[in-house]
Each structure stands twice: as structure tokens, then as C-alpha cells.
PDB file of N, CA and C in Angstrom:
ATOM      1  N   MET A   1      32.724  18.890  10.637  1.00  0.00           N
ATOM      2  CA  MET A   1      31.737  19.251  11.633  1.00  0.00           C
ATOM      3  C   MET A   1      30.452  19.692  10.925  1.00  0.00           C
ATOM      4  N   ALA A   2      29.346  19.357  11.517  1.00  0.00           N
ATOM      5  CA  ALA A   2      28.050  19.711  10.936  1.00  0.00           C
ATOM      6  C   ALA A   2      27.772  21.200  11.113  1.00  0.00           C
ATOM      7  N   GLU A   3      26.870  21.700  10.316  1.00  0.00           N
ATOM      8  CA  GLU A   3      26.461  23.096  10.397  1.00  0.00           C
ATOM      9  C   GLU A   3      25.821  23.364  11.760  1.00  0.00           C
ATOM     10  N   THR A   4      26.091  24.520  12.342  1.00  0.00           N
ATOM     11  CA  THR A   4      25.494  24.857  13.637  1.00  0.00           C
ATOM     12  C   THR A   4      24.035  25.277  13.456  1.00  0.00           C
ATOM     13  N   ILE A   5      23.258  25.087  14.524  1.00  0.00           N
ATOM     14  CA  ILE A   5      21.845  25.453  14.504  1.00  0.00           C
ATOM     15  C   ILE A   5      21.554  26.374  15.676  1.00  0.00           C
ATOM     16  N   THR A   6      20.436  27.057  15.608  1.00  0.00           N
ATOM     17  CA  THR A   6      20.048  27.951  16.695  1.00  0.00           C
ATOM     18  C   THR A   6      19.372  27.164  17.803  1.00  0.00           C
ATOM     19  N   ILE A   7      19.227  27.758  18.961  1.00  0.00           N
ATOM     20  CA  ILE A   7      18.542  27.111  20.075  1.00  0.00           C
ATOM     21  C   ILE A   7      17.076  26.861  19.725  1.00  0.00           C
ATOM     22  N   GLN A   8      16.472  27.722  18.936  1.00  0.00           N
ATOM     23  CA  GLN A   8      15.084  27.528  18.523  1.00  0.00           C
ATOM     24  C   GLN A   8      14.947  26.271  17.655  1.00  0.00           C
ATOM     25  N   GLU A   9      15.917  26.042  16.780  1.00  0.00           N
ATOM     26  CA  GLU A   9      15.899  24.837  15.951  1.00  0.00           C
ATOM     27  C   GLU A   9      16.108  23.589  16.813  1.00  0.00           C
ATOM     28  N   PHE A  10      17.016  23.668  17.773  1.00  0.00           N
ATOM     29  CA  PHE A  10      17.301  22.535  18.653  1.00  0.00           C
ATOM     30  C   PHE A  10      16.093  22.173  19.509  1.00  0.00           C
ATOM     31  N   GLN A  11      15.310  23.148  19.899  1.00  0.00           N
ATOM     32  CA  GLN A  11      14.136  22.889  20.731  1.00  0.00           C
ATOM     33  C   GLN A  11      13.088  22.062  20.005  1.00  0.00           C
ATOM     34  N   LYS A  12      13.166  21.978  18.701  1.00  0.00           N
ATOM     35  CA  LYS A  12      12.234  21.165  17.929  1.00  0.00           C
ATOM     36  C   LYS A  12      12.560  19.678  18.008  1.00  0.00           C
ATOM     37  N   VAL A  13      13.773  19.344  18.411  1.00  0.00           N
ATOM     38  CA  VAL A  13      14.217  17.951  18.472  1.00  0.00           C
ATOM     39  C   VAL A  13      13.642  17.297  19.723  1.00  0.00           C
ATOM     40  N   ASP A  14      12.978  16.152  19.541  1.00  0.00           N
ATOM     41  CA  ASP A  14      12.382  15.413  20.654  1.00  0.00           C
ATOM     42  C   ASP A  14      13.291  14.237  20.998  1.00  0.00           C
ATOM     43  N   LEU A  15      14.193  14.447  21.974  1.00  0.00           N
ATOM     44  CA  LEU A  15      15.123  13.406  22.403  1.00  0.00           C
ATOM     45  C   LEU A  15      14.475  12.580  23.503  1.00  0.00           C
ATOM     46  N   ARG A  16      14.512  11.258  23.362  1.00  0.00           N
ATOM     47  CA  ARG A  16      13.953  10.343  24.358  1.00  0.00           C
ATOM     48  C   ARG A  16      14.981   9.272  24.678  1.00  0.00           C
ATOM     49  N   VAL A  17      14.942   8.783  25.904  1.00  0.00           N
ATOM     50  CA  VAL A  17      15.781   7.660  26.306  1.00  0.00           C
ATOM     51  C   VAL A  17      14.926   6.408  26.234  1.00  0.00           C
ATOM     52  N   GLY A  18      15.448   5.394  25.573  1.00  0.00           N
ATOM     53  CA  GLY A  18      14.729   4.135  25.445  1.00  0.00           C
ATOM     54  C   GLY A  18      15.628   2.967  25.779  1.00  0.00           C
ATOM     55  N   ARG A  19      15.020   1.820  26.047  1.00  0.00           N
ATOM     56  CA  ARG A  19      15.769   0.605  26.358  1.00  0.00           C
ATOM     57  C   ARG A  19      15.666  -0.356  25.174  1.00  0.00           C
ATOM     58  N   VAL A  20      16.812  -0.874  24.741  1.00  0.00           N
ATOM     59  CA  VAL A  20      16.863  -1.834  23.648  1.00  0.00           C
ATOM     60  C   VAL A  20      16.316  -3.166  24.168  1.00  0.00           C
ATOM     61  N   THR A  21      15.246  -3.662  23.534  1.00  0.00           N
ATOM     62  CA  THR A  21      14.627  -4.903  23.983  1.00  0.00           C
ATOM     63  C   THR A  21      14.956  -6.094  23.089  1.00  0.00           C
ATOM     64  N   ASP A  22      15.342  -5.832  21.850  1.00  0.00           N
ATOM     65  CA  ASP A  22      15.688  -6.926  20.941  1.00  0.00           C
ATOM     66  C   ASP A  22      16.653  -6.417  19.885  1.00  0.00           C
ATOM     67  N   VAL A  23      17.613  -7.262  19.510  1.00  0.00           N
ATOM     68  CA  VAL A  23      18.597  -6.914  18.472  1.00  0.00           C
ATOM     69  C   VAL A  23      18.732  -8.111  17.541  1.00  0.00           C
ATOM     70  N   ARG A  24      18.639  -7.857  16.238  1.00  0.00           N
ATOM     71  CA  ARG A  24      18.818  -8.929  15.261  1.00  0.00           C
ATOM     72  C   ARG A  24      19.533  -8.365  14.026  1.00  0.00           C
ATOM     73  N   ASP A  25      20.107  -9.253  13.260  1.00  0.00           N
ATOM     74  CA  ASP A  25      20.803  -8.846  12.037  1.00  0.00           C
ATOM     75  C   ASP A  25      19.807  -8.316  11.021  1.00  0.00           C
ATOM     76  N   HIS A  26      20.217  -7.293  10.295  1.00  0.00           N
ATOM     77  CA  HIS A  26      19.405  -6.769   9.195  1.00  0.00           C
ATOM     78  C   HIS A  26      19.475  -7.790   8.058  1.00  0.00           C
ATOM     79  N   PRO A  27      18.336  -8.130   7.454  1.00  0.00           N
ATOM     80  CA  PRO A  27      18.348  -9.174   6.427  1.00  0.00           C
ATOM     81  C   PRO A  27      19.062  -8.797   5.134  1.00  0.00           C
ATOM     82  N   ASN A  28      19.241  -7.496   4.869  1.00  0.00           N
ATOM     83  CA  ASN A  28      19.816  -7.077   3.585  1.00  0.00           C
ATOM     84  C   ASN A  28      21.086  -6.243   3.709  1.00  0.00           C
ATOM     85  N   ALA A  29      21.688  -6.210   4.902  1.00  0.00           N
ATOM     86  CA  ALA A  29      22.888  -5.387   5.069  1.00  0.00           C
ATOM     87  C   ALA A  29      23.847  -6.051   6.049  1.00  0.00           C
ATOM     88  N   SER A  30      25.106  -6.054   5.714  1.00  0.00           N
ATOM     89  CA  SER A  30      26.091  -6.766   6.528  1.00  0.00           C
ATOM     90  C   SER A  30      26.546  -5.999   7.765  1.00  0.00           C
ATOM     91  N   LYS A  31      26.333  -4.689   7.807  1.00  0.00           N
ATOM     92  CA  LYS A  31      26.818  -3.884   8.932  1.00  0.00           C
ATOM     93  C   LYS A  31      25.712  -3.328   9.818  1.00  0.00           C
ATOM     94  N   LEU A  32      24.463  -3.744   9.562  1.00  0.00           N
ATOM     95  CA  LEU A  32      23.336  -3.154  10.285  1.00  0.00           C
ATOM     96  C   LEU A  32      22.648  -4.145  11.211  1.00  0.00           C
ATOM     97  N   TYR A  33      22.129  -3.595  12.318  1.00  0.00           N
ATOM     98  CA  TYR A  33      21.226  -4.321  13.206  1.00  0.00           C
ATOM     99  C   TYR A  33      19.842  -3.705  13.088  1.00  0.00           C
ATOM    100  N   VAL A  34      18.829  -4.510  13.309  1.00  0.00           N
ATOM    101  CA  VAL A  34      17.465  -4.038  13.492  1.00  0.00           C
ATOM    102  C   VAL A  34      17.202  -4.173  14.990  1.00  0.00           C
ATOM    103  N   MET A  35      16.814  -3.072  15.623  1.00  0.00           N
ATOM    104  CA  MET A  35      16.623  -3.079  17.072  1.00  0.00           C
ATOM    105  C   MET A  35      15.209  -2.634  17.427  1.00  0.00           C
ATOM    106  N   ASP A  36      14.637  -3.276  18.437  1.00  0.00           N
ATOM    107  CA  ASP A  36      13.388  -2.811  19.024  1.00  0.00           C
ATOM    108  C   ASP A  36      13.768  -2.014  20.261  1.00  0.00           C
ATOM    109  N   VAL A  37      13.252  -0.784  20.349  1.00  0.00           N
ATOM    110  CA  VAL A  37      13.572   0.110  21.464  1.00  0.00           C
ATOM    111  C   VAL A  37      12.278   0.531  22.134  1.00  0.00           C
ATOM    112  N   ASP A  38      12.181   0.270  23.438  1.00  0.00           N
ATOM    113  CA  ASP A  38      11.010   0.649  24.226  1.00  0.00           C
ATOM    114  C   ASP A  38      11.189   2.089  24.695  1.00  0.00           C
ATOM    115  N   LEU A  39      10.293   2.969  24.244  1.00  0.00           N
ATOM    116  CA  LEU A  39      10.351   4.388  24.600  1.00  0.00           C
ATOM    117  C   LEU A  39       9.323   4.763  25.665  1.00  0.00           C
ATOM    118  N   GLY A  40       8.770   3.770  26.336  1.00  0.00           N
ATOM    119  CA  GLY A  40       7.831   4.031  27.413  1.00  0.00           C
ATOM    120  C   GLY A  40       6.389   3.994  26.951  1.00  0.00           C
ATOM    121  N   PRO A  41       5.465   4.159  27.914  1.00  0.00           N
ATOM    122  CA  PRO A  41       4.043   4.005  27.601  1.00  0.00           C
ATOM    123  C   PRO A  41       3.502   5.038  26.611  1.00  0.00           C
ATOM    124  N   GLU A  42       4.065   6.221  26.596  1.00  0.00           N
ATOM    125  CA  GLU A  42       3.572   7.278  25.706  1.00  0.00           C
ATOM    126  C   GLU A  42       3.861   6.982  24.242  1.00  0.00           C
ATOM    127  N   LEU A  43       5.080   6.505  23.944  1.00  0.00           N
ATOM    128  CA  LEU A  43       5.501   6.287  22.556  1.00  0.00           C
ATOM    129  C   LEU A  43       5.591   4.817  22.177  1.00  0.00           C
ATOM    130  N   GLY A  44       5.596   3.916  23.134  1.00  0.00           N
ATOM    131  CA  GLY A  44       5.638   2.488  22.844  1.00  0.00           C
ATOM    132  C   GLY A  44       6.991   2.035  22.323  1.00  0.00           C
ATOM    133  N   THR A  45       6.967   0.968  21.542  1.00  0.00           N
ATOM    134  CA  THR A  45       8.190   0.383  20.993  1.00  0.00           C
ATOM    135  C   THR A  45       8.376   0.838  19.553  1.00  0.00           C
ATOM    136  N   ARG A  46       9.604   1.220  19.245  1.00  0.00           N
ATOM    137  CA  ARG A  46       9.964   1.613  17.872  1.00  0.00           C
ATOM    138  C   ARG A  46      10.994   0.636  17.342  1.00  0.00           C
ATOM    139  N   GLN A  47      10.960   0.413  16.049  1.00  0.00           N
ATOM    140  CA  GLN A  47      11.969  -0.408  15.392  1.00  0.00           C
ATOM    141  C   GLN A  47      12.965   0.535  14.726  1.00  0.00           C
ATOM    142  N   LEU A  48      14.237   0.382  15.070  1.00  0.00           N
ATOM    143  CA  LEU A  48      15.295   1.245  14.550  1.00  0.00           C
ATOM    144  C   LEU A  48      16.352   0.406  13.855  1.00  0.00           C
ATOM    145  N   VAL A  49      17.066   1.029  12.940  1.00  0.00           N
ATOM    146  CA  VAL A  49      18.189   0.392  12.254  1.00  0.00           C
ATOM    147  C   VAL A  49      19.446   1.166  12.627  1.00  0.00           C
ATOM    148  N   ALA A  50      20.491   0.424  13.009  1.00  0.00           N
ATOM    149  CA  ALA A  50      21.727   1.077  13.442  1.00  0.00           C
ATOM    150  C   ALA A  50      22.934   0.368  12.836  1.00  0.00           C
ATOM    151  N   GLY A  51      23.918   1.139  12.398  1.00  0.00           N
ATOM    152  CA  GLY A  51      25.143   0.604  11.811  1.00  0.00           C
ATOM    153  C   GLY A  51      26.186   0.285  12.865  1.00  0.00           C
ATOM    154  N   LEU A  52      25.805  -0.486  13.856  1.00  0.00           N
ATOM    155  CA  LEU A  52      26.695  -0.787  14.979  1.00  0.00           C
ATOM    156  C   LEU A  52      27.326  -2.176  14.912  1.00  0.00           C
ATOM    157  N   LYS A  53      26.966  -2.958  13.930  1.00  0.00           N
ATOM    158  CA  LYS A  53      27.422  -4.343  13.858  1.00  0.00           C
ATOM    159  C   LYS A  53      28.951  -4.491  13.891  1.00  0.00           C
ATOM    160  N   PRO A  54      29.710  -3.618  13.221  1.00  0.00           N
ATOM    161  CA  PRO A  54      31.172  -3.763  13.292  1.00  0.00           C
ATOM    162  C   PRO A  54      31.752  -3.424  14.665  1.00  0.00           C
ATOM    163  N   TYR A  55      30.982  -2.798  15.536  1.00  0.00           N
ATOM    164  CA  TYR A  55      31.512  -2.283  16.788  1.00  0.00           C
ATOM    165  C   TYR A  55      30.987  -2.969  18.044  1.00  0.00           C
ATOM    166  N   MET A  56      29.794  -3.555  17.978  1.00  0.00           N
ATOM    167  CA  MET A  56      29.191  -4.140  19.176  1.00  0.00           C
ATOM    168  C   MET A  56      28.473  -5.437  18.833  1.00  0.00           C
ATOM    169  N   ALA A  57      28.533  -6.387  19.756  1.00  0.00           N
ATOM    170  CA  ALA A  57      27.788  -7.638  19.614  1.00  0.00           C
ATOM    171  C   ALA A  57      26.335  -7.401  20.013  1.00  0.00           C
ATOM    172  N   PRO A  58      25.405  -8.163  19.487  1.00  0.00           N
ATOM    173  CA  PRO A  58      23.998  -7.975  19.829  1.00  0.00           C
ATOM    174  C   PRO A  58      23.732  -8.096  21.336  1.00  0.00           C
ATOM    175  N   ASP A  59      24.421  -9.027  21.996  1.00  0.00           N
ATOM    176  CA  ASP A  59      24.238  -9.200  23.440  1.00  0.00           C
ATOM    177  C   ASP A  59      24.672  -7.976  24.229  1.00  0.00           C
ATOM    178  N   ALA A  60      25.651  -7.233  23.712  1.00  0.00           N
ATOM    179  CA  ALA A  60      26.117  -6.025  24.392  1.00  0.00           C
ATOM    180  C   ALA A  60      25.115  -4.880  24.256  1.00  0.00           C
ATOM    181  N   LEU A  61      24.301  -4.902  23.221  1.00  0.00           N
ATOM    182  CA  LEU A  61      23.310  -3.842  23.003  1.00  0.00           C
ATOM    183  C   LEU A  61      22.013  -4.079  23.768  1.00  0.00           C
ATOM    184  N   LYS A  62      21.644  -5.350  23.931  1.00  0.00           N
ATOM    185  CA  LYS A  62      20.368  -5.668  24.571  1.00  0.00           C
ATOM    186  C   LYS A  62      20.333  -5.128  25.998  1.00  0.00           C
ATOM    187  N   ASP A  63      19.220  -4.503  26.353  1.00  0.00           N
ATOM    188  CA  ASP A  63      18.957  -3.895  27.670  1.00  0.00           C
ATOM    189  C   ASP A  63      19.724  -2.588  27.901  1.00  0.00           C
ATOM    190  N   GLN A  64      20.439  -2.099  26.894  1.00  0.00           N
ATOM    191  CA  GLN A  64      21.138  -0.825  27.042  1.00  0.00           C
ATOM    192  C   GLN A  64      20.164   0.339  26.858  1.00  0.00           C
ATOM    193  N   LEU A  65      20.465   1.450  27.503  1.00  0.00           N
ATOM    194  CA  LEU A  65      19.708   2.681  27.300  1.00  0.00           C
ATOM    195  C   LEU A  65      20.328   3.438  26.137  1.00  0.00           C
ATOM    196  N   VAL A  66      19.481   3.940  25.242  1.00  0.00           N
ATOM    197  CA  VAL A  66      19.943   4.693  24.080  1.00  0.00           C
ATOM    198  C   VAL A  66      19.125   5.971  23.950  1.00  0.00           C
ATOM    199  N   VAL A  67      19.712   6.972  23.349  1.00  0.00           N
ATOM    200  CA  VAL A  67      19.008   8.223  23.085  1.00  0.00           C
ATOM    201  C   VAL A  67      18.474   8.166  21.655  1.00  0.00           C
ATOM    202  N   VAL A  68      17.183   8.481  21.505  1.00  0.00           N
ATOM    203  CA  VAL A  68      16.505   8.393  20.219  1.00  0.00           C
ATOM    204  C   VAL A  68      15.902   9.751  19.880  1.00  0.00           C
ATOM    205  N   VAL A  69      16.051  10.175  18.637  1.00  0.00           N
ATOM    206  CA  VAL A  69      15.336  11.360  18.148  1.00  0.00           C
ATOM    207  C   VAL A  69      13.950  10.869  17.767  1.00  0.00           C
ATOM    208  N   ALA A  70      12.978  11.106  18.629  1.00  0.00           N
ATOM    209  CA  ALA A  70      11.642  10.526  18.472  1.00  0.00           C
ATOM    210  C   ALA A  70      10.831  11.155  17.348  1.00  0.00           C
ATOM    211  N   ASN A  71      11.168  12.371  16.959  1.00  0.00           N
ATOM    212  CA  ASN A  71      10.396  13.032  15.910  1.00  0.00           C
ATOM    213  C   ASN A  71      11.163  13.146  14.593  1.00  0.00           C
ATOM    214  N   LEU A  72      12.112  12.251  14.376  1.00  0.00           N
ATOM    215  CA  LEU A  72      12.854  12.233  13.117  1.00  0.00           C
ATOM    216  C   LEU A  72      11.981  11.645  12.027  1.00  0.00           C
ATOM    217  N   GLU A  73      11.874  12.315  10.916  1.00  0.00           N
ATOM    218  CA  GLU A  73      11.006  11.865   9.812  1.00  0.00           C
ATOM    219  C   GLU A  73      11.520  10.582   9.206  1.00  0.00           C
TER     220      GLU A  73
END
């Protein structure tokens, strides 16, 4: 289990719900997808990498809603 954090630390996390608009294989990794996620007009589209390839087909991910930490460095 990860180390616990205070509520003040948690309030710094910017969680957003986005819709997966495109999924493709990562060119240099066998277990990764590169996904485009639409986070709405304020944040636009972000490109994310996820290790979901062993668990889900690309068609199953497309149009799904996902939670994104928008302020992750």
C-alpha cells in the first residue's frame, strides 16, 4: 500500500474526467498504448501513455471515460 497523505496534499491533485478519442500501439513498447484524451474546452486534448495493452483491446478503450491527474508533472 502506498504512503498515506493528508487532505491538504490531496486537494492539490487536479482530477479530471476525459473521453478517450484515439488509441494506438506505442512504437517502442509491447505493453503500452498511446491514447488521446479529450479533457474538455478548458484543457483540450492530452496524449497519455497507459500500460493497458495486456488487459484491453484498443476498441474497448475508445470513447471510454477515464480519470486523469491533470496536474501531474
